[in-house]
Amino acid sequence: MSASENAAAAGPQSGRGRPSAQGRSDGPFAALVAAALLATACAAPQAPEALVELRRIAAGEPMRAAEKAAPDLAAESARSLRLAEKALSRRDAAAASRMATLGRIQAETAFAIARQQAAEARLGEAERRIALAEEDMARYRSEQADAEREIQRLEAAQGRASPGAGAVGSGDDAVPGPAGVVGCGDDVMCERLRSAGGSRPAGAGAPRD
């Protein structure tokens, strides 16, 4: 057999027994590309802005107050958040955005109710304090009026106890004397003094030598 015939016979056997260089290089590269495409396809899609905002609202402190003031609306907002997350997991970003927008509206409505209730509570407390202040003012005015009446009574009593200058004694016991009015504590003596025209009793108040 000639050399050309041997080469022709050996060529097909060599091709079947050993893969070409091109085959060895295309295999791993194709696997890497396929893995990258699969990872991209399985990766979670980016959350829409409305869903990101609703997540932030649900985790905030105002939602705790809203749950007390408007529990039904707060529960509806939480339900809308769950539905939005499910829609996003199905790669339906549009549905996730719609449900998140609805949940945000429900949460904001609950916030408004909570603020209204808080304002009403503050207003009620202010009205209560005003009522207490008015009661204190009325009591003060009543006590002031009582004090003024007591002062007038004391002044009137003091006026009756001191009828005027030059008078000695008070009431019916005050009788006129040579130097004004002489008071006497004995009814018989006072009667005698009145009958005598206000002269002093004999020996009463006589000047000494």
Protein backbone atom coordinates (compact mmCIF):
# COMPACT_ATOMS: atom_id res chain seq x y z
CA MET A 1 0.00 0.00 0.00
CA SER A 2 1.30 3.40 -0.92
CA ALA A 3 1.94 6.25 1.56
CA SER A 4 -0.96 8.27 0.27
CA GLU A 5 -3.31 5.37 0.77
CA ASN A 6 -2.01 4.87 4.32
CA ALA A 7 -2.57 8.56 5.12
CA ALA A 8 -6.07 8.48 3.74
CA ALA A 9 -6.84 5.41 5.77
CA ALA A 10 -5.41 6.87 8.93
CA GLY A 11 -7.18 10.24 8.58
CA PRO A 12 -10.72 9.16 9.41
CA GLN A 13 -9.55 6.99 12.26
CA SER A 14 -7.64 9.93 13.77
CA GLY A 15 -10.70 12.18 13.45
CA ARG A 16 -12.94 9.64 15.14
CA GLY A 17 -10.59 8.83 17.96
CA ARG A 18 -9.60 12.34 19.12
CA PRO A 19 -11.75 15.52 19.23
CA SER A 20 -10.56 18.59 17.42
CA ALA A 21 -9.17 21.66 19.16
CA GLN A 22 -12.26 23.62 18.25
CA GLY A 23 -14.52 21.10 19.94
CA ARG A 24 -12.47 21.24 23.12
CA SER A 25 -12.69 25.08 23.32
CA ASP A 26 -16.42 25.47 22.50
CA GLY A 27 -17.70 23.08 25.17
CA PRO A 28 -16.75 24.92 28.43
CA PHE A 29 -17.55 28.38 27.01
CA ALA A 30 -21.02 27.30 25.99
CA ALA A 31 -21.64 25.91 29.48
CA LEU A 32 -20.61 29.18 31.09
CA VAL A 33 -22.90 31.21 28.83
CA ALA A 34 -25.79 28.90 29.54
CA ALA A 35 -25.22 29.18 33.31
CA ALA A 36 -25.12 32.98 33.14
CA LEU A 37 -28.33 33.12 31.15
CA LEU A 38 -30.02 30.76 33.60
CA ALA A 39 -28.91 32.86 36.58
CA THR A 40 -30.19 36.04 34.93
CA ALA A 41 -33.52 34.41 34.21
CA CYS A 42 -33.90 33.14 37.79
CA ALA A 43 -32.79 36.34 39.52
CA ALA A 44 -35.53 38.31 41.31
CA PRO A 45 -36.68 41.32 39.29
CA GLN A 46 -36.11 44.79 40.63
CA ALA A 47 -38.94 46.01 42.91
CA PRO A 48 -40.92 48.96 41.58
CA GLU A 49 -40.64 52.27 43.43
CA ALA A 50 -44.17 51.99 44.84
CA LEU A 51 -43.33 48.65 46.44
CA VAL A 52 -40.11 50.01 47.92
CA GLU A 53 -42.07 52.90 49.45
CA LEU A 54 -44.76 50.59 50.85
CA ARG A 55 -42.10 48.43 52.49
CA ARG A 56 -40.66 51.51 54.16
CA ILE A 57 -44.12 52.62 55.36
CA ALA A 58 -44.98 49.19 56.75
CA ALA A 59 -41.78 49.10 58.80
CA GLY A 60 -42.18 52.65 60.18
CA GLU A 61 -43.34 53.67 63.63
CA PRO A 62 -46.45 55.59 62.39
CA MET A 63 -47.90 52.27 61.24
CA ARG A 64 -48.02 51.10 64.87
CA ALA A 65 -50.25 54.05 65.75
CA ALA A 66 -52.34 53.46 62.62
CA GLU A 67 -52.91 49.83 63.63
CA LYS A 68 -54.51 51.09 66.86
CA ALA A 69 -56.51 53.94 65.31
CA ALA A 70 -57.66 52.18 62.13
CA PRO A 71 -56.95 48.45 62.41
CA ASP A 72 -59.04 47.52 59.35
CA LEU A 73 -57.20 49.89 57.02
CA ALA A 74 -53.85 48.84 58.45
CA ALA A 75 -54.70 45.19 57.81
CA GLU A 76 -55.78 45.97 54.22
CA SER A 77 -52.49 47.77 53.63
CA ALA A 78 -50.53 44.76 54.91
CA ARG A 79 -52.57 42.49 52.62
CA SER A 80 -51.81 44.71 49.63
CA LEU A 81 -48.12 44.50 50.47
CA ARG A 82 -48.23 40.70 50.49
CA LEU A 83 -50.02 40.63 47.13
CA ALA A 84 -47.49 43.05 45.67
CA GLU A 85 -44.63 40.82 46.83
CA LYS A 86 -46.30 37.77 45.23
CA ALA A 87 -46.78 39.64 41.97
CA LEU A 88 -43.13 40.62 41.97
CA SER A 89 -42.11 36.99 42.57
CA ARG A 90 -44.10 36.11 39.42
CA ARG A 91 -42.08 38.80 37.62
CA ASP A 92 -45.21 40.91 37.16
CA ALA A 93 -43.79 44.31 38.05
CA ALA A 94 -46.86 46.18 36.83
CA ALA A 95 -49.22 44.23 39.12
CA ALA A 96 -46.77 44.63 41.99
CA SER A 97 -46.71 48.40 41.46
CA ARG A 98 -50.52 48.60 41.38
CA MET A 99 -50.95 46.62 44.58
CA ALA A 100 -48.21 48.59 46.32
CA THR A 101 -49.85 51.88 45.33
CA LEU A 102 -53.15 50.66 46.75
CA GLY A 103 -51.43 49.61 49.97
CA ARG A 104 -49.77 53.02 50.29
CA ILE A 105 -53.13 54.80 49.91
CA GLN A 106 -54.65 52.54 52.56
CA ALA A 107 -51.75 53.22 54.93
CA GLU A 108 -51.92 56.98 54.42
CA THR A 109 -55.67 56.94 55.11
CA ALA A 110 -55.01 55.07 58.36
CA PHE A 111 -52.36 57.66 59.25
CA ALA A 112 -54.88 60.46 58.71
CA ILE A 113 -57.38 58.78 61.03
CA ALA A 114 -54.69 58.32 63.68
CA ARG A 115 -53.72 62.01 63.46
CA GLN A 116 -57.36 63.06 63.73
CA GLN A 117 -57.91 60.95 66.83
CA ALA A 118 -54.74 62.34 68.41
CA ALA A 119 -55.89 65.91 67.69
CA GLU A 120 -59.31 65.21 69.20
CA ALA A 121 -57.66 63.80 72.30
CA ARG A 122 -55.48 66.91 72.67
CA LEU A 123 -58.52 69.13 72.17
CA GLY A 124 -60.46 67.23 74.83
CA GLU A 125 -57.57 67.59 77.26
CA ALA A 126 -57.38 71.32 76.57
CA GLU A 127 -61.12 71.73 77.15
CA ARG A 128 -60.83 69.81 80.42
CA ARG A 129 -58.05 72.10 81.62
CA ILE A 130 -60.05 75.18 80.64
CA ALA A 131 -63.03 73.89 82.62
CA LEU A 132 -60.82 73.33 85.67
CA ALA A 133 -59.38 76.83 85.33
CA GLU A 134 -62.89 78.31 85.16
CA GLU A 135 -63.87 76.40 88.30
CA ASP A 136 -60.79 77.73 90.09
CA MET A 137 -61.62 81.28 88.99
CA ALA A 138 -65.21 80.97 90.19
CA ARG A 139 -64.02 79.65 93.55
CA TYR A 140 -61.52 82.50 93.85
CA ARG A 141 -64.19 85.10 93.12
CA SER A 142 -66.52 83.55 95.68
CA GLU A 143 -63.80 83.57 98.32
CA GLN A 144 -62.96 87.17 97.45
CA ALA A 145 -66.60 88.20 97.85
CA ASP A 146 -66.78 86.45 101.23
CA ALA A 147 -63.62 88.25 102.35
CA GLU A 148 -65.01 91.62 101.31
CA ARG A 149 -68.26 91.00 103.20
CA GLU A 150 -66.27 90.03 106.30
CA ILE A 151 -64.21 93.21 106.05
CA GLN A 152 -67.38 95.30 105.79
CA ARG A 153 -68.88 93.56 108.81
CA LEU A 154 -65.75 94.18 110.88
CA GLU A 155 -65.64 97.84 109.85
CA ALA A 156 -69.29 98.29 110.78
CA ALA A 157 -68.73 96.65 114.18
CA GLN A 158 -65.72 98.87 114.81
CA GLY A 159 -67.78 101.94 113.93
CA ARG A 160 -70.45 101.00 116.45
CA ALA A 161 -67.82 100.44 119.14
CA SER A 162 -66.35 103.99 118.60
CA PRO A 163 -69.29 106.45 118.11
CA GLY A 164 -67.27 109.73 118.13
CA ALA A 165 -64.65 111.97 119.77
CA GLY A 166 -65.22 113.20 123.36
CA ALA A 167 -67.60 110.40 124.24
CA VAL A 168 -66.94 108.12 127.16
CA GLY A 169 -68.72 104.81 127.28
CA SER A 170 -71.06 103.48 124.62
CA GLY A 171 -74.73 102.93 124.01
CA ASP A 172 -77.21 103.87 126.76
CA ASP A 173 -74.40 104.00 129.34
CA ALA A 174 -72.93 107.18 127.74
CA VAL A 175 -74.22 110.29 129.57
CA PRO A 176 -73.20 113.92 129.23
CA GLY A 177 -70.80 115.33 131.81
CA PRO A 178 -69.01 118.62 132.43
CA ALA A 179 -66.15 117.68 130.10
CA GLY A 180 -68.22 115.77 127.56
CA VAL A 181 -69.84 112.44 128.19
CA VAL A 182 -69.12 110.43 131.29
CA GLY A 183 -69.78 106.73 131.20
CA CYS A 184 -71.19 104.97 134.23
CA GLY A 185 -71.73 101.36 134.90
CA ASP A 186 -74.42 101.81 137.62
CA ASP A 187 -77.98 102.25 136.30
CA VAL A 188 -79.17 104.17 139.41
CA MET A 189 -76.25 106.57 139.23
CA CYS A 190 -76.78 107.09 135.49
CA GLU A 191 -80.43 107.90 136.11
CA ARG A 192 -79.52 110.43 138.77
CA LEU A 193 -77.00 112.04 136.49
CA ARG A 194 -79.57 112.39 133.74
CA SER A 195 -82.08 113.91 136.17
CA ALA A 196 -79.49 116.37 137.46
CA GLY A 197 -78.67 117.55 133.98
CA GLY A 198 -75.37 115.75 133.68
CA SER A 199 -73.71 116.92 136.94
CA ARG A 200 -71.19 114.62 138.46
CA PRO A 201 -72.03 112.65 141.60
CA ALA A 202 -70.86 114.18 144.79
CA GLY A 203 -67.24 113.38 145.40
CA ALA A 204 -66.81 111.86 141.95
CA GLY A 205 -63.80 113.28 140.26
CA ALA A 206 -63.60 116.30 142.69
CA PRO A 207 -60.32 118.12 142.55
CA ARG A 208 -58.07 117.53 145.55
CA ASP A 209 -56.37 120.22 147.66
